[in-house]
């Protein structure tokens, strides 16, 4: 008598086996497509320059950590890193603070021009950033000539520039999230003696932490990797990482191994922040979409 149990019948709602295998093959190919550039970057960053400059080899003949040491002396990478951290951090904080107040006002109060304001804020995202490059350049130069306030070539000017891009979308995203927070919480806080600001900071903001984190991550990533305005609005003292990486290419040679090593080092803060905050980021991007 056979001891093997009979096979379970397949559920009529189960997906066909051909679909399951096709999905596995597609996901495997997609994973390889995503990880292949990462492998090339990591392997190239651990090779001597002569190996990287020649024919690419999938299996390196020798490994060295020298490129990770030389990246700090070939260009002033530490200074660029500090400039990017200051600019991106300040732009993120300003975007979050302004967006919280603006989105709360639009979500909770009725005023004339509310719909026009919301549509205007969102419509600014339709225009490419290069259209604002020359106007902002002329504005900053004229302000500096008239008042002596150096916006062009300064970190403050770059922070204001990044606010013009991150702030509209941040406001629009927080409006949708604040709308999903029940108004009963505000009314209960007002009954308990809180004012409008007390209700905002004690009730609404704690309930909207995922949305605020999503806005902060978006604003930080927008400022951290921006190249166009950073290449025009900065000088040698205020240059950021996105522009400073060009320093590894000289007129006679390109230090490809150091470029790859510096690119990996530069991406560490963004990747680490995303991994730590991905739970809040996903919740913030999806919670305000369905009321």
Protein backbone atom coordinates (compact mmCIF):
# COMPACT_ATOMS: atom_id res chain seq x y z
CA UNK A 1 0.00 0.00 0.00
CA UNK A 2 1.47 3.28 -1.04
CA UNK A 3 2.16 5.82 1.73
CA UNK A 4 2.27 8.88 -0.53
CA UNK A 5 -0.60 11.31 -0.06
CA UNK A 6 -2.63 12.32 -3.08
CA UNK A 7 -1.73 15.61 -4.70
CA UNK A 8 -3.89 18.57 -3.79
CA UNK A 9 -6.23 19.66 -6.55
CA UNK A 10 -5.47 23.12 -7.92
CA UNK A 11 -7.87 25.85 -6.98
CA UNK A 12 -9.96 27.13 -9.90
CA UNK A 13 -8.89 30.67 -8.92
CA UNK A 14 -5.17 29.85 -8.98
CA UNK A 15 -3.07 31.37 -11.73
CA UNK A 16 -1.93 29.05 -14.55
CA UNK A 17 1.51 27.51 -14.19
CA UNK A 18 2.62 29.16 -17.41
CA UNK A 19 1.82 32.56 -15.93
CA UNK A 20 3.75 31.76 -12.74
CA UNK A 21 6.83 30.68 -14.70
CA UNK A 22 6.59 33.70 -16.99
CA UNK A 23 6.43 35.96 -13.94
CA UNK A 24 9.45 34.30 -12.37
CA UNK A 25 11.47 34.63 -15.57
CA UNK A 26 10.46 38.28 -15.99
CA UNK A 27 11.34 39.15 -12.38
CA UNK A 28 14.68 37.35 -12.69
CA UNK A 29 15.55 39.28 -15.85
CA UNK A 30 14.42 42.54 -14.25
CA UNK A 31 16.55 41.88 -11.17
CA UNK A 32 19.57 41.17 -13.35
CA UNK A 33 18.93 44.33 -15.36
CA UNK A 34 18.85 46.39 -12.16
CA UNK A 35 21.82 44.77 -10.42
CA UNK A 36 24.12 44.64 -13.45
CA UNK A 37 25.04 48.38 -13.36
CA UNK A 38 25.58 48.13 -9.60
CA UNK A 39 28.01 45.25 -10.09
CA UNK A 40 29.88 47.20 -12.77
CA UNK A 41 30.18 50.22 -10.44
CA UNK A 42 31.34 48.18 -7.45
CA UNK A 43 33.84 46.09 -9.43
CA UNK A 44 35.22 49.12 -11.28
CA UNK A 45 35.66 51.03 -8.02
CA UNK A 46 37.88 48.23 -6.69
CA UNK A 47 40.18 48.04 -9.74
CA UNK A 48 43.39 49.91 -10.52
CA UNK A 49 43.03 52.67 -13.09
CA UNK A 50 44.84 50.74 -15.83
CA UNK A 51 42.36 47.87 -15.51
CA UNK A 52 39.36 50.18 -15.76
CA UNK A 53 40.76 52.13 -18.71
CA UNK A 54 41.29 48.97 -20.76
CA UNK A 55 38.89 46.27 -21.86
CA UNK A 56 36.26 45.61 -19.25
CA UNK A 57 36.57 42.28 -17.43
CA UNK A 58 33.65 40.79 -15.57
CA UNK A 59 36.01 39.10 -13.10
CA UNK A 60 38.69 41.57 -11.94
CA UNK A 61 42.24 40.26 -11.83
CA UNK A 62 43.08 42.27 -8.72
CA UNK A 63 41.19 44.26 -6.10
CA UNK A 64 42.26 47.40 -4.28
CA UNK A 65 40.61 49.94 -1.99
CA UNK A 66 42.99 52.68 -3.13
CA UNK A 67 40.29 54.50 -5.19
CA UNK A 68 38.20 54.98 -2.04
CA UNK A 69 41.20 56.65 -0.39
CA UNK A 70 42.21 58.78 -3.36
CA UNK A 71 38.73 60.23 -3.99
CA UNK A 72 39.16 62.57 -1.00
CA UNK A 73 42.43 64.07 -2.28
CA UNK A 74 41.91 64.15 -6.04
CA UNK A 75 39.04 66.64 -5.55
CA UNK A 76 37.85 68.33 -2.32
CA UNK A 77 35.08 65.77 -1.93
CA UNK A 78 34.60 66.47 1.78
CA UNK A 79 33.82 70.14 1.04
CA UNK A 80 31.39 69.16 -1.70
CA UNK A 81 29.79 66.67 0.64
CA UNK A 82 29.31 69.34 3.32
CA UNK A 83 27.84 71.80 0.79
CA UNK A 84 25.36 69.20 -0.46
CA UNK A 85 24.39 68.21 3.09
CA UNK A 86 23.78 71.84 4.10
CA UNK A 87 21.85 72.76 0.95
CA UNK A 88 19.76 69.57 0.81
CA UNK A 89 19.09 69.59 4.56
CA UNK A 90 18.04 73.25 4.64
CA UNK A 91 15.87 72.86 1.52
CA UNK A 92 14.20 69.81 3.08
CA UNK A 93 13.46 71.52 6.39
CA UNK A 94 12.10 74.65 4.69
CA UNK A 95 9.97 72.60 2.29
CA UNK A 96 8.45 70.53 5.10
CA UNK A 97 7.72 73.51 7.38
CA UNK A 98 6.18 75.70 4.67
CA UNK A 99 4.29 72.80 3.10
CA UNK A 100 2.76 71.80 6.47
CA UNK A 101 1.34 75.27 7.11
CA UNK A 102 0.18 75.80 3.51
CA UNK A 103 -1.39 72.36 3.16
CA UNK A 104 -3.15 72.64 6.53
CA UNK A 105 -4.65 76.00 5.56
CA UNK A 106 -5.88 74.69 2.22
CA UNK A 107 -7.21 71.46 3.73
CA UNK A 108 -9.02 72.93 6.74
CA UNK A 109 -10.13 76.43 5.77
CA UNK A 110 -12.30 77.94 3.07
CA UNK A 111 -11.08 81.14 1.45
CA UNK A 112 -11.47 82.96 -1.82
CA UNK A 113 -9.15 81.65 -4.52
CA UNK A 114 -8.55 78.30 -2.83
CA UNK A 115 -9.08 76.27 -5.99
CA UNK A 116 -7.01 78.71 -8.06
CA UNK A 117 -4.18 78.46 -5.55
CA UNK A 118 -4.23 74.65 -5.61
CA UNK A 119 -4.29 74.48 -9.41
CA UNK A 120 -1.54 77.09 -9.69
CA UNK A 121 0.70 75.22 -7.26
CA UNK A 122 0.28 71.98 -9.17
CA UNK A 123 0.60 73.58 -12.61
CA UNK A 124 4.12 74.80 -11.83
CA UNK A 125 5.26 71.18 -12.11
CA UNK A 126 4.44 71.17 -15.82
CA UNK A 127 7.32 73.46 -16.77
CA UNK A 128 10.86 72.11 -17.20
CA UNK A 129 13.44 73.55 -14.85
CA UNK A 130 15.65 74.89 -17.62
CA UNK A 131 13.01 77.57 -18.36
CA UNK A 132 13.70 79.13 -14.95
CA UNK A 133 17.48 79.02 -15.19
CA UNK A 134 18.07 82.36 -16.93
CA UNK A 135 15.31 84.28 -15.06
CA UNK A 136 16.61 83.12 -11.67
CA UNK A 137 20.17 83.95 -12.69
CA UNK A 138 19.16 87.51 -13.66
CA UNK A 139 17.07 87.94 -10.50
CA UNK A 140 19.90 86.82 -8.23
CA UNK A 141 22.46 89.03 -9.98
CA UNK A 142 20.18 92.09 -9.86
CA UNK A 143 19.36 91.51 -6.18
CA UNK A 144 23.06 91.26 -5.41
CA UNK A 145 23.84 94.49 -7.29
CA UNK A 146 20.95 96.39 -5.69
CA UNK A 147 21.12 95.18 -2.08
CA UNK A 148 24.51 93.54 -1.68
CA UNK A 149 22.87 90.23 -0.73
CA UNK A 150 24.90 87.56 -2.51
CA UNK A 151 22.40 85.01 -3.76
CA UNK A 152 24.30 84.01 -6.87
CA UNK A 153 27.12 81.63 -6.01
CA UNK A 154 25.88 81.12 -2.43
CA UNK A 155 24.25 78.28 -0.57
CA UNK A 156 21.27 80.47 0.28
CA UNK A 157 20.53 81.15 -3.36
CA UNK A 158 20.73 77.46 -4.17
CA UNK A 159 18.38 76.62 -1.29
CA UNK A 160 15.83 79.14 -2.59
CA UNK A 161 16.19 77.65 -6.06
CA UNK A 162 15.46 74.13 -4.86
CA UNK A 163 12.45 75.38 -2.90
CA UNK A 164 10.86 76.56 -6.14
CA UNK A 165 10.85 72.94 -7.35
CA UNK A 166 10.20 70.86 -4.24
CA UNK A 167 7.70 73.12 -2.46
CA UNK A 168 4.76 73.03 -4.96
CA UNK A 169 4.65 69.24 -5.13
CA UNK A 170 5.17 69.00 -1.36
CA UNK A 171 2.17 71.24 -0.72
CA UNK A 172 0.00 69.32 -3.15
CA UNK A 173 0.96 65.96 -1.66
CA UNK A 174 0.32 67.09 1.93
CA UNK A 175 -3.07 68.57 1.00
CA UNK A 176 -4.23 65.12 -0.07
CA UNK A 177 -2.83 63.56 3.10
CA UNK A 178 -4.33 66.16 5.46
CA UNK A 179 -7.69 65.66 3.75
CA UNK A 180 -7.54 62.00 4.78
CA UNK A 181 -7.06 62.93 8.45
CA UNK A 182 -10.54 63.13 10.09
CA UNK A 183 -11.65 66.65 10.95
CA UNK A 184 -13.11 65.27 14.17
CA UNK A 185 -9.59 65.21 15.57
CA UNK A 186 -9.25 68.96 15.03
CA UNK A 187 -12.63 69.63 16.60
CA UNK A 188 -11.80 67.47 19.61
CA UNK A 189 -8.53 69.38 20.09
CA UNK A 190 -10.36 72.72 19.86
CA UNK A 191 -12.88 71.56 22.45
CA UNK A 192 -10.03 70.61 24.78
CA UNK A 193 -8.71 74.18 24.60
CA UNK A 194 -6.16 74.02 21.80
CA UNK A 195 -5.96 76.78 19.24
CA UNK A 196 -5.54 76.18 15.51
CA UNK A 197 -1.76 75.84 15.85
CA UNK A 198 -2.15 73.57 18.86
CA UNK A 199 -4.50 71.33 16.93
CA UNK A 200 -2.06 71.27 14.04
CA UNK A 201 1.04 70.32 16.02
CA UNK A 202 -0.55 68.14 18.69
CA UNK A 203 -3.11 66.23 16.62
CA UNK A 204 -2.77 66.60 12.85
CA UNK A 205 1.01 66.48 12.49
CA UNK A 206 1.43 63.28 14.59
CA UNK A 207 -1.31 61.63 12.52
CA UNK A 208 0.34 62.80 9.28
CA UNK A 209 3.90 61.63 10.01
CA UNK A 210 4.02 59.23 6.99
CA UNK A 211 3.00 62.00 4.61
CA UNK A 212 5.50 64.44 6.10
CA UNK A 213 8.27 61.86 5.83
CA UNK A 214 7.37 61.27 2.17
CA UNK A 215 7.59 65.01 1.52
CA UNK A 216 10.95 65.21 3.31
CA UNK A 217 12.41 62.32 1.31
CA UNK A 218 11.18 63.84 -1.96
CA UNK A 219 12.62 67.28 -1.13
CA UNK A 220 15.95 65.84 -0.03
CA UNK A 221 16.39 63.65 -3.11
CA UNK A 222 15.45 66.56 -5.38
CA UNK A 223 18.16 68.77 -3.88
CA UNK A 224 20.81 66.08 -3.39
CA UNK A 225 21.15 64.96 -7.00
CA UNK A 226 20.32 68.17 -8.89
CA UNK A 227 22.92 69.13 -11.51
CA UNK A 228 21.60 71.87 -13.81
CA UNK A 229 21.15 74.72 -11.33
CA UNK A 230 24.05 73.60 -9.15
CA UNK A 231 26.42 73.89 -12.13
CA UNK A 232 25.35 77.51 -12.78
CA UNK A 233 24.44 78.90 -9.35
CA UNK A 234 27.58 77.76 -7.48
CA UNK A 235 31.28 78.54 -7.48
CA UNK A 236 34.37 76.74 -6.21
CA UNK A 237 33.45 77.41 -2.58
CA UNK A 238 29.78 76.34 -2.77
CA UNK A 239 29.96 73.54 -5.34
CA UNK A 240 27.88 70.47 -4.51
CA UNK A 241 28.54 66.78 -5.03
CA UNK A 242 26.52 66.45 -8.22
CA UNK A 243 28.79 69.00 -9.91
CA UNK A 244 31.98 68.19 -8.00
CA UNK A 245 32.13 64.68 -9.44
CA UNK A 246 33.13 66.25 -12.75
CA UNK A 247 36.49 67.04 -11.17
CA UNK A 248 37.63 63.44 -11.63
CA UNK A 249 37.80 64.07 -15.38
CA UNK A 250 40.80 66.14 -16.49
CA UNK A 251 41.92 67.23 -19.93
CA UNK A 252 44.24 64.26 -20.26
CA UNK A 253 42.64 61.47 -18.23
CA UNK A 254 39.46 60.30 -16.52
CA UNK A 255 39.81 58.52 -13.19
CA UNK A 256 37.04 56.03 -13.81
CA UNK A 257 37.71 53.94 -10.73
CA UNK A 258 37.51 57.02 -8.52
CA UNK A 259 34.36 58.19 -10.29
CA UNK A 260 32.69 54.89 -9.50
CA UNK A 261 33.93 54.92 -5.91
CA UNK A 262 32.77 58.49 -5.35
CA UNK A 263 29.39 57.74 -6.91
CA UNK A 264 28.87 54.87 -4.49
CA UNK A 265 29.92 57.02 -1.52
CA UNK A 266 27.60 59.83 -2.61
CA UNK A 267 24.63 57.46 -2.93
CA UNK A 268 25.03 56.06 0.60
CA UNK A 269 22.99 58.80 2.41
CA UNK A 270 20.09 58.55 -0.03
CA UNK A 271 20.00 54.73 -0.01
CA UNK A 272 20.34 54.53 3.77
CA UNK A 273 17.63 57.13 4.31
CA UNK A 274 15.30 55.39 1.89
CA UNK A 275 15.79 52.00 3.56
CA UNK A 276 15.17 53.45 7.01
CA UNK A 277 12.09 55.44 5.99
CA UNK A 278 10.60 53.26 3.26
CA UNK A 279 7.71 52.16 5.49
CA UNK A 280 6.66 55.76 6.10
CA UNK A 281 7.37 56.70 2.49
CA UNK A 282 5.03 54.06 1.04
CA UNK A 283 2.32 54.92 3.55
CA UNK A 284 2.66 58.62 2.86
CA UNK A 285 2.45 58.21 -0.91
CA UNK A 286 -0.63 55.97 -0.80
CA UNK A 287 -2.68 57.08 2.21
CA UNK A 288 -3.74 60.41 0.76
CA UNK A 289 -4.79 58.90 -2.55
CA UNK A 290 -7.93 57.17 -1.20
CA UNK A 291 -10.26 58.93 1.19
